[in-house]
């Protein structure tokens, strides 16, 4: 199926590999960095290439159907996607760009590992994938990230040498997704592989410009073809001799690619996952000056945001929203609902917050179209509301004045999107907003009315709890 596969697998493994392509892989989760293994209500086994990664032991368990998932104790990810997280080795003060960020598995891992002095720019070009990215980043409880919707070429012009770590999980042929029913055998067609490889080269060139001297570039795919993996790494190093060198990780030696140093592979028949590839390169010299706009193919092949009816590109918002009198109402809301460690910035009909490490990123990128910082409150239909990001915020960022602790039954009712009775909990307060918590962990906002707590959990954050 893949030209050159004999370089990667012994002939005796071909049949096992082909069978595994059509078998659903073991489910896996990544524990949130500030949570405990004891919080997980089902049996798990450690994934050896990431300390916070675990396989779900029982194939009948649905990880997304438990309250621990609703409380953001863990993220559901294929175990292969843990590999680039391990290679990135995120440190608290890092400045990181996740260039192709949705749905957010890697971006959330990065945000959790950064300290207040670090910052993450999570970039996603496809409009339809932004909501799930926002939701997953909100679950981290952090405010050290911004979200952008930029073509990598455009972003690289503004962010040259800005980041010390870049995660580039490029769009690819997706051969490892065959077992999940997301692709078919056309993923193995040579023409499709070459198209994906050409698109990835353009993205890699843009990423290379955004990384500072000494920084790490982590490149990953969810495919098996050499043309989209090791050949890409060799191509980038060949384009700029002396600029890049492999950055191998000793602990990942069991999964090293036999073809190239600093490259690693996971296989569905060996490693209890869908399979994938990741490589790590260090920038050891400055790149030559850019002679012309990056576009070696003569065309842009990324899918940009388009109107579903006309097919035309949707323009992103320009600059900051115009200030309105609603700003004072937002400030009143923010003052009434809790205590703040960082002062929110009210900007027209929205309020945003940034941990200190975002400041340098903000200065560089916030004037671009579509840059979004964590929005903590907004004017919606002429009234103010706190946002889900704020409900999930860590105590180091925000502490609400009012909380109610829910029982298991109440929490299951709440995360399904239902209102709760307030017969025994009503009280006079300066704010009607109250944060719902379960086992001391936030779930979302409730708003007090005369007879009940109205549920303000966004539809995209609702979870059906298995009985």
Protein backbone atom coordinates (compact mmCIF):
# COMPACT_ATOMS: atom_id res chain seq x y z
CA UNK A 1 0.00 0.00 0.00
CA UNK A 2 2.84 2.40 0.69
CA UNK A 3 5.91 2.51 -1.50
CA UNK A 4 9.00 1.87 0.58
CA UNK A 5 7.13 0.27 3.51
CA UNK A 6 9.73 -2.52 3.53
CA UNK A 7 12.17 0.08 4.90
CA UNK A 8 9.99 0.48 7.98
CA UNK A 9 8.41 -2.89 8.79
CA UNK A 10 9.61 -6.47 8.51
CA UNK A 11 7.63 -8.41 5.86
CA UNK A 12 6.09 -10.57 8.57
CA UNK A 13 4.30 -7.55 10.03
CA UNK A 14 2.53 -6.36 6.88
CA UNK A 15 -0.58 -8.47 7.49
CA UNK A 16 -0.83 -7.38 11.12
CA UNK A 17 -0.45 -3.75 10.09
CA UNK A 18 -3.17 -4.03 7.43
CA UNK A 19 -5.57 -5.72 9.87
CA UNK A 20 -4.93 -3.03 12.48
CA UNK A 21 -5.83 -0.31 9.97
CA UNK A 22 -9.39 -1.61 10.07
CA UNK A 23 -9.61 -2.14 13.85
CA UNK A 24 -10.70 0.61 16.23
CA UNK A 25 -7.71 1.47 18.47
CA UNK A 26 -7.62 1.46 22.24
CA UNK A 27 -9.20 4.55 23.72
CA UNK A 28 -6.78 6.82 25.56
CA UNK A 29 -6.96 9.87 27.81
CA UNK A 30 -4.52 12.53 28.94
CA UNK A 31 -4.81 13.53 32.59
CA UNK A 32 -4.98 17.26 33.19
CA UNK A 33 -1.70 18.28 34.73
CA UNK A 34 -3.27 19.55 37.98
CA UNK A 35 -5.56 16.52 38.47
CA UNK A 36 -4.95 13.16 40.16
CA UNK A 37 -5.11 9.64 38.77
CA UNK A 38 -7.48 8.81 41.63
CA UNK A 39 -10.04 11.17 40.05
CA UNK A 40 -10.48 8.84 37.06
CA UNK A 41 -13.53 6.58 37.67
CA UNK A 42 -12.45 3.71 35.39
CA UNK A 43 -9.44 1.45 35.06
CA UNK A 44 -6.47 2.89 33.15
CA UNK A 45 -2.97 1.80 32.11
CA UNK A 46 0.01 4.13 31.55
CA UNK A 47 1.12 5.04 28.03
CA UNK A 48 4.93 4.79 28.11
CA UNK A 49 5.75 7.77 25.88
CA UNK A 50 3.89 10.39 27.98
CA UNK A 51 3.68 10.34 31.81
CA UNK A 52 0.20 11.91 31.84
CA UNK A 53 -1.17 9.61 29.11
CA UNK A 54 -3.25 6.51 29.83
CA UNK A 55 -5.06 3.80 27.94
CA UNK A 56 -8.62 2.99 28.99
CA UNK A 57 -8.45 -0.65 30.03
CA UNK A 58 -12.08 -1.59 29.34
CA UNK A 59 -13.09 -1.17 25.69
CA UNK A 60 -16.74 -0.88 26.76
CA UNK A 61 -16.10 2.27 28.80
CA UNK A 62 -17.10 5.60 27.22
CA UNK A 63 -14.68 8.16 28.74
CA UNK A 64 -16.84 11.11 27.67
CA UNK A 65 -19.82 9.79 29.63
CA UNK A 66 -18.54 10.44 33.16
CA UNK A 67 -18.65 13.51 35.40
CA UNK A 68 -14.85 13.56 35.63
CA UNK A 69 -14.77 14.38 31.93
CA UNK A 70 -17.29 17.22 32.36
CA UNK A 71 -15.12 18.59 35.19
CA UNK A 72 -12.08 18.62 32.83
CA UNK A 73 -10.12 16.02 34.78
CA UNK A 74 -8.89 14.59 31.48
CA UNK A 75 -8.93 14.95 27.70
CA UNK A 76 -9.81 12.19 25.26
CA UNK A 77 -7.04 11.73 22.70
CA UNK A 78 -5.54 8.98 20.63
CA UNK A 79 -2.31 7.83 22.27
CA UNK A 80 -0.34 8.65 19.09
CA UNK A 81 -1.08 12.36 19.58
CA UNK A 82 0.87 12.25 22.85
CA UNK A 83 4.12 11.83 20.94
CA UNK A 84 4.57 15.48 19.80
CA UNK A 85 3.61 16.68 23.29
CA UNK A 86 6.49 14.65 24.72
CA UNK A 87 8.91 15.92 22.07
CA UNK A 88 8.00 19.56 22.72
CA UNK A 89 9.05 19.30 26.39
CA UNK A 90 7.12 22.46 27.31
CA UNK A 91 8.69 24.62 30.02
CA UNK A 92 6.82 27.29 32.06
CA UNK A 93 8.33 30.31 30.29
CA UNK A 94 8.10 29.02 26.71
CA UNK A 95 6.55 31.06 23.88
CA UNK A 96 4.74 28.49 21.77
CA UNK A 97 2.76 28.45 18.55
CA UNK A 98 0.54 25.49 17.72
CA UNK A 99 0.21 26.26 14.03
CA UNK A 100 -2.60 23.82 13.13
CA UNK A 101 -4.27 23.66 16.52
CA UNK A 102 -7.83 22.30 16.27
CA UNK A 103 -9.35 20.33 17.87
CA UNK A 104 -6.96 21.33 20.65
CA UNK A 105 -5.47 18.17 22.13
CA UNK A 106 -1.90 19.42 21.85
CA UNK A 107 -2.82 23.06 22.51
CA UNK A 108 -4.46 22.18 25.83
CA UNK A 109 -1.43 20.17 26.90
CA UNK A 110 0.79 23.15 26.09
CA UNK A 111 -1.40 25.68 27.94
CA UNK A 112 -1.46 23.48 31.06
CA UNK A 113 2.33 23.17 31.13
CA UNK A 114 3.05 26.87 30.63
CA UNK A 115 3.38 29.10 33.66
CA UNK A 116 1.92 32.62 33.88
CA UNK A 117 5.09 33.91 32.24
CA UNK A 118 4.61 31.67 29.18
CA UNK A 119 2.26 32.15 26.24
CA UNK A 120 0.56 30.09 23.53
CA UNK A 121 -0.79 31.15 20.16
CA UNK A 122 -3.20 28.46 18.91
CA UNK A 123 -3.75 28.98 15.19
CA UNK A 124 -6.44 27.32 13.09
CA UNK A 125 -7.31 28.32 9.53
CA UNK A 126 -10.63 26.47 9.25
CA UNK A 127 -13.60 28.39 10.65
CA UNK A 128 -15.70 25.32 11.46
CA UNK A 129 -12.98 23.97 13.76
CA UNK A 130 -12.65 27.07 15.96
CA UNK A 131 -15.53 26.32 18.36
CA UNK A 132 -14.10 22.98 19.49
CA UNK A 133 -10.69 24.62 19.91
CA UNK A 134 -12.18 27.36 22.12
CA UNK A 135 -14.08 24.78 24.18
CA UNK A 136 -11.06 22.59 24.80
CA UNK A 137 -8.82 25.51 25.74
CA UNK A 138 -11.49 26.81 28.15
CA UNK A 139 -11.28 23.45 29.95
CA UNK A 140 -7.65 24.14 30.92
CA UNK A 141 -8.66 26.82 33.43
CA UNK A 142 -5.91 29.04 32.02
CA UNK A 143 -5.71 32.45 30.33
CA UNK A 144 -2.24 32.14 28.83
CA UNK A 145 -3.33 31.59 25.24
CA UNK A 146 -4.71 33.43 22.23
CA UNK A 147 -6.52 31.93 19.24
CA UNK A 148 -5.89 33.06 15.69
CA UNK A 149 -7.31 32.19 12.28
CA UNK A 150 -4.43 32.94 9.94
CA UNK A 151 -2.85 31.37 6.93
CA UNK A 152 0.64 30.30 8.08
CA UNK A 153 2.28 32.50 5.42
CA UNK A 154 0.50 35.61 6.72
CA UNK A 155 1.22 34.72 10.33
CA UNK A 156 4.91 34.21 9.66
CA UNK A 157 5.24 37.78 8.31
CA UNK A 158 4.12 39.23 11.64
CA UNK A 159 5.69 36.64 13.94
CA UNK A 160 9.20 36.20 12.53
CA UNK A 161 11.54 34.77 15.21
CA UNK A 162 8.83 35.23 17.88
CA UNK A 163 8.49 31.70 19.30
CA UNK A 164 10.98 29.38 20.93
CA UNK A 165 8.79 26.32 20.25
CA UNK A 166 6.55 25.51 17.30
CA UNK A 167 4.15 22.57 17.00
CA UNK A 168 3.24 21.82 13.39
CA UNK A 169 0.69 19.00 13.14
CA UNK A 170 0.09 19.43 9.43
CA UNK A 171 -3.00 18.44 7.43
CA UNK A 172 -2.07 15.11 5.87
CA UNK A 173 -3.52 12.10 4.03
CA UNK A 174 -4.77 10.79 7.39
CA UNK A 175 -4.01 7.14 6.73
CA UNK A 176 -4.14 6.31 10.45
CA UNK A 177 -7.75 7.53 10.61
CA UNK A 178 -9.00 4.68 8.43
CA UNK A 179 -9.94 2.65 11.51
CA UNK A 180 -12.13 5.51 12.77
CA UNK A 181 -14.12 5.70 9.55
CA UNK A 182 -12.86 9.22 8.80
CA UNK A 183 -10.97 8.25 5.63
CA UNK A 184 -11.03 5.56 2.98
CA UNK A 185 -8.38 3.80 0.92
CA UNK A 186 -7.95 6.89 -1.27
CA UNK A 187 -5.67 8.12 1.53
CA UNK A 188 -3.04 5.76 0.09
CA UNK A 189 -3.23 7.08 -3.50
CA UNK A 190 0.16 8.48 -4.63
CA UNK A 191 -1.45 11.63 -6.06
CA UNK A 192 -3.17 12.40 -2.75
CA UNK A 193 0.02 11.75 -0.78
CA UNK A 194 2.00 14.13 -2.99
CA UNK A 195 -0.67 16.83 -2.72
CA UNK A 196 -0.56 16.60 1.08
CA UNK A 197 3.24 16.57 1.12
CA UNK A 198 3.39 19.72 -1.03
CA UNK A 199 0.94 21.52 1.25
CA UNK A 200 2.96 20.48 4.31
CA UNK A 201 6.16 21.86 2.78
CA UNK A 202 4.56 25.27 2.43
CA UNK A 203 3.45 25.19 6.06
CA UNK A 204 6.87 24.06 7.23
CA UNK A 205 8.56 26.94 5.43
CA UNK A 206 6.26 29.43 7.15
CA UNK A 207 6.82 27.78 10.54
CA UNK A 208 10.59 27.89 10.10
CA UNK A 209 10.49 31.71 9.89
CA UNK A 210 8.52 32.01 13.13
CA UNK A 211 11.04 30.13 15.28
CA UNK A 212 13.85 31.97 17.04
CA UNK A 213 17.48 30.86 17.04
CA UNK A 214 17.87 27.82 19.34
CA UNK A 215 14.16 26.98 19.23
CA UNK A 216 12.50 23.60 18.71
CA UNK A 217 10.30 22.67 15.76
CA UNK A 218 8.04 19.66 16.38
CA UNK A 219 6.52 18.28 13.18
CA UNK A 220 3.82 15.59 13.28
CA UNK A 221 1.25 13.79 11.15
CA UNK A 222 -1.37 11.07 11.50
CA UNK A 223 -0.19 9.18 8.45
CA UNK A 224 2.37 6.50 7.53
CA UNK A 225 3.79 7.48 4.13
CA UNK A 226 7.50 8.27 4.06
CA UNK A 227 6.83 11.10 1.60
CA UNK A 228 4.78 12.96 4.21
CA UNK A 229 7.07 12.17 7.14
CA UNK A 230 10.83 11.50 7.07
CA UNK A 231 11.13 12.92 3.55
CA UNK A 232 9.67 16.22 4.75
CA UNK A 233 12.24 16.50 7.53
CA UNK A 234 15.07 15.73 5.13
CA UNK A 235 13.67 18.26 2.64
CA UNK A 236 13.59 21.08 5.21
CA UNK A 237 17.12 20.36 6.36
CA UNK A 238 18.24 20.25 2.73
CA UNK A 239 16.58 23.58 1.95
CA UNK A 240 18.62 25.30 4.67
CA UNK A 241 21.90 23.42 5.24
CA UNK A 242 23.39 24.12 8.65
CA UNK A 243 20.21 25.76 10.00
CA UNK A 244 18.57 22.63 11.41
CA UNK A 245 19.77 19.62 13.33
CA UNK A 246 17.81 16.65 14.73
CA UNK A 247 16.94 16.83 18.44
CA UNK A 248 16.48 13.21 19.53
CA UNK A 249 14.92 12.23 22.87
CA UNK A 250 16.64 9.29 24.56
CA UNK A 251 13.48 8.09 26.31
CA UNK A 252 11.73 7.67 22.94
CA UNK A 253 14.42 5.43 21.45
CA UNK A 254 12.06 2.37 21.28
CA UNK A 255 9.93 4.25 18.73
CA UNK A 256 12.73 5.80 16.66
CA UNK A 257 12.31 5.72 12.89
CA UNK A 258 14.94 3.57 11.15
CA UNK A 259 15.20 6.20 8.40
CA UNK A 260 16.04 9.52 10.08
CA UNK A 261 17.45 10.78 13.38
CA UNK A 262 15.06 12.72 15.58
CA UNK A 263 12.04 11.02 13.93
CA UNK A 264 9.62 8.67 15.69
CA UNK A 265 6.80 6.39 14.58
CA UNK A 266 3.91 4.66 16.31
CA UNK A 267 2.12 1.73 14.69
CA UNK A 268 -1.47 0.53 15.17
CA UNK A 269 -0.48 -3.15 15.39
CA UNK A 270 2.35 -2.53 17.88
CA UNK A 271 1.43 0.44 20.02
CA UNK A 272 -2.31 0.28 20.85
CA UNK A 273 -3.09 3.50 18.97
CA UNK A 274 -4.11 4.71 15.52
CA UNK A 275 -0.48 5.31 14.62
CA UNK A 276 1.41 8.46 13.79
CA UNK A 277 4.70 10.23 13.18
CA UNK A 278 6.59 13.02 14.95
CA UNK A 279 9.99 14.64 14.55
CA UNK A 280 11.93 17.25 16.49
CA UNK A 281 14.46 19.68 14.99
CA UNK A 282 16.46 22.44 16.63
CA UNK A 283 17.20 25.71 14.84
CA UNK A 284 20.95 26.10 15.29
CA UNK A 285 21.61 28.96 12.87
CA UNK A 286 19.78 31.96 11.48
CA UNK A 287 17.87 31.49 8.24
CA UNK A 288 18.68 33.65 5.20
CA UNK A 289 16.51 36.69 4.56
CA UNK A 290 13.21 35.96 2.87
CA UNK A 291 13.52 36.92 -0.79
CA UNK A 292 9.85 36.72 -1.69
CA UNK A 293 6.52 35.76 -0.11
CA UNK A 294 6.46 32.11 0.92
CA UNK A 295 4.61 30.08 -1.65
CA UNK A 296 6.88 27.58 -3.40
CA UNK A 297 3.93 25.85 -5.06
CA UNK A 298 2.59 29.03 -6.64
CA UNK A 299 -0.76 28.51 -4.91
CA UNK A 300 -2.24 28.35 -1.45
CA UNK A 301 -3.77 24.98 -0.77
CA UNK A 302 -5.00 25.42 2.79
CA UNK A 303 -8.73 25.50 3.35
CA UNK A 304 -9.57 28.99 4.58
CA UNK A 305 -12.84 30.07 6.12
CA UNK A 306 -15.53 30.10 3.44
CA UNK A 307 -19.23 30.79 3.29
CA UNK A 308 -20.99 27.44 2.91
CA UNK A 309 -23.40 28.81 0.27
CA UNK A 310 -21.30 31.12 -1.89
CA UNK A 311 -17.89 29.48 -1.40
CA UNK A 312 -16.35 32.93 -0.83
CA UNK A 313 -13.90 33.58 1.96
CA UNK A 314 -15.46 35.02 5.09
CA UNK A 315 -13.72 38.24 6.16
CA UNK A 316 -12.48 38.24 9.74
CA UNK A 317 -13.14 41.16 12.07
CA UNK A 318 -10.83 44.17 11.75
CA UNK A 319 -9.20 45.65 14.81
CA UNK A 320 -10.91 46.16 18.14
CA UNK A 321 -14.66 46.54 18.59
CA UNK A 322 -15.96 50.06 18.92
CA UNK A 323 -16.41 51.17 22.54
CA UNK A 324 -20.02 51.50 23.66
CA UNK A 325 -21.76 52.53 26.84
CA UNK A 326 -22.15 48.80 27.48
CA UNK A 327 -18.54 48.83 28.69
CA UNK A 328 -19.63 50.27 32.03
CA UNK A 329 -22.20 47.49 32.42
CA UNK A 330 -19.54 44.91 31.76
CA UNK A 331 -17.27 46.45 34.38
CA UNK A 332 -20.13 46.35 36.90
CA UNK A 333 -20.69 42.66 36.16
CA UNK A 334 -16.99 41.84 36.50
CA UNK A 335 -16.76 43.64 39.85
CA UNK A 336 -19.87 41.93 41.21
CA UNK A 337 -19.14 38.29 40.44
CA UNK A 338 -15.70 37.67 41.93
CA UNK A 339 -12.14 38.60 42.78
CA UNK A 340 -9.54 38.97 40.03
CA UNK A 341 -5.84 38.24 40.14
CA UNK A 342 -5.35 39.91 36.74
CA UNK A 343 -7.34 42.97 35.71
CA UNK A 344 -9.72 42.17 32.81
CA UNK A 345 -9.58 44.41 29.75
CA UNK A 346 -12.98 45.72 28.68
CA UNK A 347 -13.10 46.41 24.98
CA UNK A 348 -16.48 47.50 23.67
CA UNK A 349 -18.94 44.64 24.16
CA UNK A 350 -16.40 42.09 25.44
CA UNK A 351 -14.04 41.64 28.37
CA UNK A 352 -10.83 39.67 27.99
CA UNK A 353 -8.05 38.56 30.28
CA UNK A 354 -4.39 37.76 29.69
CA UNK A 355 -1.83 36.14 31.93
CA UNK A 356 1.48 38.10 31.86
CA UNK A 357 3.23 35.81 29.38
CA UNK A 358 0.76 36.75 26.65
CA UNK A 359 1.91 40.36 26.59
CA UNK A 360 4.72 39.95 24.07
CA UNK A 361 2.49 37.85 21.84
CA UNK A 362 -0.28 40.43 22.21
CA UNK A 363 1.95 43.25 21.07
CA UNK A 364 2.88 41.31 17.94
CA UNK A 365 -0.35 39.70 16.87
CA UNK A 366 -3.41 41.43 18.33
CA UNK A 367 -3.69 43.94 15.48
CA UNK A 368 -4.13 41.09 13.01
CA UNK A 369 -7.52 39.90 11.86
CA UNK A 370 -9.22 37.32 14.01
CA UNK A 371 -6.93 37.23 17.07
CA UNK A 372 -8.99 36.22 20.10
CA UNK A 373 -7.86 36.35 23.72
CA UNK A 374 -9.80 34.47 26.42
CA UNK A 375 -13.17 36.21 26.61
CA UNK A 376 -14.48 36.27 30.18
CA UNK A 377 -17.66 38.30 29.74
CA UNK A 378 -19.73 39.70 26.91
CA UNK A 379 -22.72 41.86 26.04
CA UNK A 380 -25.27 39.49 24.51
CA UNK A 381 -28.68 40.77 23.34
CA UNK A 382 -28.38 43.93 25.44
CA UNK A 383 -27.48 42.14 28.68
CA UNK A 384 -24.16 41.09 30.19
CA UNK A 385 -23.08 37.48 30.78
CA UNK A 386 -19.96 35.83 32.15
CA UNK A 387 -18.47 33.31 29.73
CA UNK A 388 -17.62 29.63 30.15
CA UNK A 389 -13.89 30.43 30.12
CA UNK A 390 -14.41 32.39 33.35
CA UNK A 391 -16.43 29.62 34.98
CA UNK A 392 -13.57 27.17 34.41
CA UNK A 393 -10.80 29.58 35.48
CA UNK A 394 -8.25 28.46 38.06
CA UNK A 395 -8.18 30.21 41.47
CA UNK A 396 -4.87 31.81 40.46
CA UNK A 397 -6.85 33.83 37.91
CA UNK A 398 -10.33 34.34 39.38
CA UNK A 399 -12.40 33.44 42.46
CA UNK A 400 -16.20 33.81 42.24
CA UNK A 401 -18.14 35.30 45.14
CA UNK A 402 -20.80 32.60 44.88
CA UNK A 403 -20.51 28.85 44.35
CA UNK A 404 -22.83 25.93 44.94
CA UNK A 405 -21.63 22.38 45.35
CA UNK A 406 -23.66 19.84 43.39
CA UNK A 407 -24.31 16.21 44.24
CA UNK A 408 -23.57 13.56 41.63
CA UNK A 409 -27.21 13.54 40.54
CA UNK A 410 -27.41 17.33 40.37
CA UNK A 411 -24.14 17.55 38.48
CA UNK A 412 -25.33 14.99 35.91
CA UNK A 413 -28.53 17.00 35.48
CA UNK A 414 -26.57 20.24 35.13
CA UNK A 415 -24.01 19.07 32.54
CA UNK A 416 -26.89 17.71 30.45
CA UNK A 417 -28.10 21.32 30.17
CA UNK A 418 -30.99 21.30 32.65
CA UNK A 419 -32.05 23.92 35.21
CA UNK A 420 -31.82 23.12 38.93
CA UNK A 421 -34.14 23.84 41.82
CA UNK A 422 -32.97 26.58 44.16
CA UNK A 423 -35.61 26.01 46.85
CA UNK A 424 -33.02 25.29 49.53
CA UNK A 425 -30.20 27.47 48.27
CA UNK A 426 -31.66 30.86 47.38
CA UNK A 427 -30.09 33.87 49.09
CA UNK A 428 -29.82 37.59 48.77
CA UNK A 429 -26.65 38.57 46.96
CA UNK A 430 -25.20 41.38 44.89
CA UNK A 431 -25.03 39.01 41.93
CA UNK A 432 -27.40 36.43 40.54
CA UNK A 433 -24.49 34.54 38.96
CA UNK A 434 -23.16 31.49 40.75
CA UNK A 435 -20.58 28.93 39.72
CA UNK A 436 -21.60 25.27 39.86
CA UNK A 437 -18.90 22.99 41.25
CA UNK A 438 -18.66 19.23 41.70
CA UNK A 439 -16.12 17.76 44.11
CA UNK A 440 -14.59 21.22 44.30
CA UNK A 441 -14.09 21.47 40.52
CA UNK A 442 -15.95 23.99 38.34
CA UNK A 443 -18.56 22.94 35.81
CA UNK A 444 -20.07 26.23 34.59
CA UNK A 445 -22.43 29.11 35.40
CA UNK A 446 -25.92 29.13 36.91
CA UNK A 447 -28.10 32.22 37.24
CA UNK A 448 -30.53 32.59 40.09
CA UNK A 449 -34.20 33.30 39.38
CA UNK A 450 -37.17 33.27 41.71
CA UNK A 451 -37.83 29.55 41.44
CA UNK A 452 -34.73 27.89 40.04
CA UNK A 453 -31.13 28.10 38.91
CA UNK A 454 -31.12 28.70 35.18
CA UNK A 455 -28.48 26.71 33.34
CA UNK A 456 -25.92 28.77 31.37
CA UNK A 457 -23.70 25.92 30.25
CA UNK A 458 -23.04 26.40 26.50
CA UNK A 459 -24.58 23.76 24.27
CA UNK A 460 -21.14 22.66 23.07
CA UNK A 461 -20.03 21.97 26.67
CA UNK A 462 -22.94 19.70 27.57
CA UNK A 463 -22.34 16.04 28.35
CA UNK A 464 -24.67 13.06 28.61
CA UNK A 465 -23.62 11.08 31.67
CA UNK A 466 -23.89 7.31 31.42
CA UNK A 467 -25.96 5.69 34.13
